[in-house]
């Protein structure tokens, strides 16, 4: 299958899947997932906790129904 066919493709992605991803050693922006390379992902869910550090970052957890995913938004 051609890699270009998978651009903007929706796949089932559990919170567990995002927590177990490991980057490819020579390409730090690519993550292997079920035989394909994942470059970017979007998730939807409910923010269940947050920690705001002014002028540094916002740390929050998103619950997408399959588990909680820790996230960081840098504000510098």
Protein backbone atom coordinates (compact mmCIF):
# COMPACT_ATOMS: atom_id res chain seq x y z
CA UNK A 1 0.00 0.00 0.00
CA UNK A 2 1.28 3.43 -0.91
CA UNK A 3 2.09 5.64 2.09
CA UNK A 4 0.43 8.64 0.43
CA UNK A 5 -2.93 6.85 0.59
CA UNK A 6 -2.84 7.04 4.38
CA UNK A 7 -2.70 10.85 4.64
CA UNK A 8 -5.53 12.19 6.82
CA UNK A 9 -6.80 8.70 7.56
CA UNK A 10 -8.84 7.93 10.66
CA UNK A 11 -7.79 4.86 12.64
CA UNK A 12 -8.88 3.41 15.97
CA UNK A 13 -6.31 4.62 18.47
CA UNK A 14 -6.64 3.77 22.15
CA UNK A 15 -5.06 5.71 25.01
CA UNK A 16 -2.91 2.63 25.64
CA UNK A 17 -1.58 2.89 22.07
CA UNK A 18 -0.42 6.48 22.57
CA UNK A 19 1.31 5.64 25.85
CA UNK A 20 3.29 2.75 24.33
CA UNK A 21 4.61 4.52 21.21
CA UNK A 22 8.40 4.63 20.85
CA UNK A 23 10.05 6.85 18.19
CA UNK A 24 12.08 5.35 15.37
CA UNK A 25 15.75 5.86 16.41
CA UNK A 26 16.92 7.73 13.31
CA UNK A 27 13.67 9.67 12.81
CA UNK A 28 12.45 11.22 16.07
CA UNK A 29 9.16 12.44 14.56
CA UNK A 30 8.02 9.03 13.24
CA UNK A 31 6.38 6.42 15.42
CA UNK A 32 5.65 2.88 14.23
CA UNK A 33 2.07 1.73 14.86
CA UNK A 34 0.78 -1.61 13.53
CA UNK A 35 3.15 -1.66 10.57
CA UNK A 36 2.60 1.98 9.58
CA UNK A 37 4.40 5.20 10.44
CA UNK A 38 2.47 7.67 12.58
CA UNK A 39 3.54 11.30 12.19
CA UNK A 40 0.69 13.19 13.80
CA UNK A 41 -2.44 12.37 15.77
CA UNK A 42 -5.49 14.23 16.99
CA UNK A 43 -7.60 13.13 19.91
CA UNK A 44 -10.92 14.16 21.35
CA UNK A 45 -11.94 13.78 24.95
CA UNK A 46 -12.59 15.49 28.23
CA UNK A 47 -9.88 17.32 30.18
CA UNK A 48 -9.97 15.69 33.60
CA UNK A 49 -7.06 17.49 35.29
CA UNK A 50 -4.75 20.41 34.63
CA UNK A 51 -1.64 22.01 36.09
CA UNK A 52 -0.75 25.55 34.94
CA UNK A 53 2.80 26.90 35.31
CA UNK A 54 2.75 30.57 34.20
CA UNK A 55 5.12 31.35 31.32
CA UNK A 56 6.18 27.67 31.13
CA UNK A 57 3.51 25.09 30.30
CA UNK A 58 0.05 23.71 30.87
CA UNK A 59 0.01 20.05 31.82
CA UNK A 60 -3.34 18.26 31.46
CA UNK A 61 -4.89 14.81 31.12
CA UNK A 62 -7.40 13.96 28.38
CA UNK A 63 -9.83 11.09 28.89
CA UNK A 64 -10.99 9.80 25.49
CA UNK A 65 -13.14 6.99 26.88
CA UNK A 66 -10.40 4.34 26.64
CA UNK A 67 -8.05 5.88 29.22
CA UNK A 68 -6.25 9.08 30.19
CA UNK A 69 -3.48 10.57 28.08
CA UNK A 70 -1.05 13.04 29.68
CA UNK A 71 -0.39 16.12 27.53
CA UNK A 72 1.82 19.21 27.77
CA UNK A 73 1.26 22.52 25.99
CA UNK A 74 4.40 24.69 26.11
CA UNK A 75 3.62 28.40 26.49
CA UNK A 76 7.07 29.94 26.12
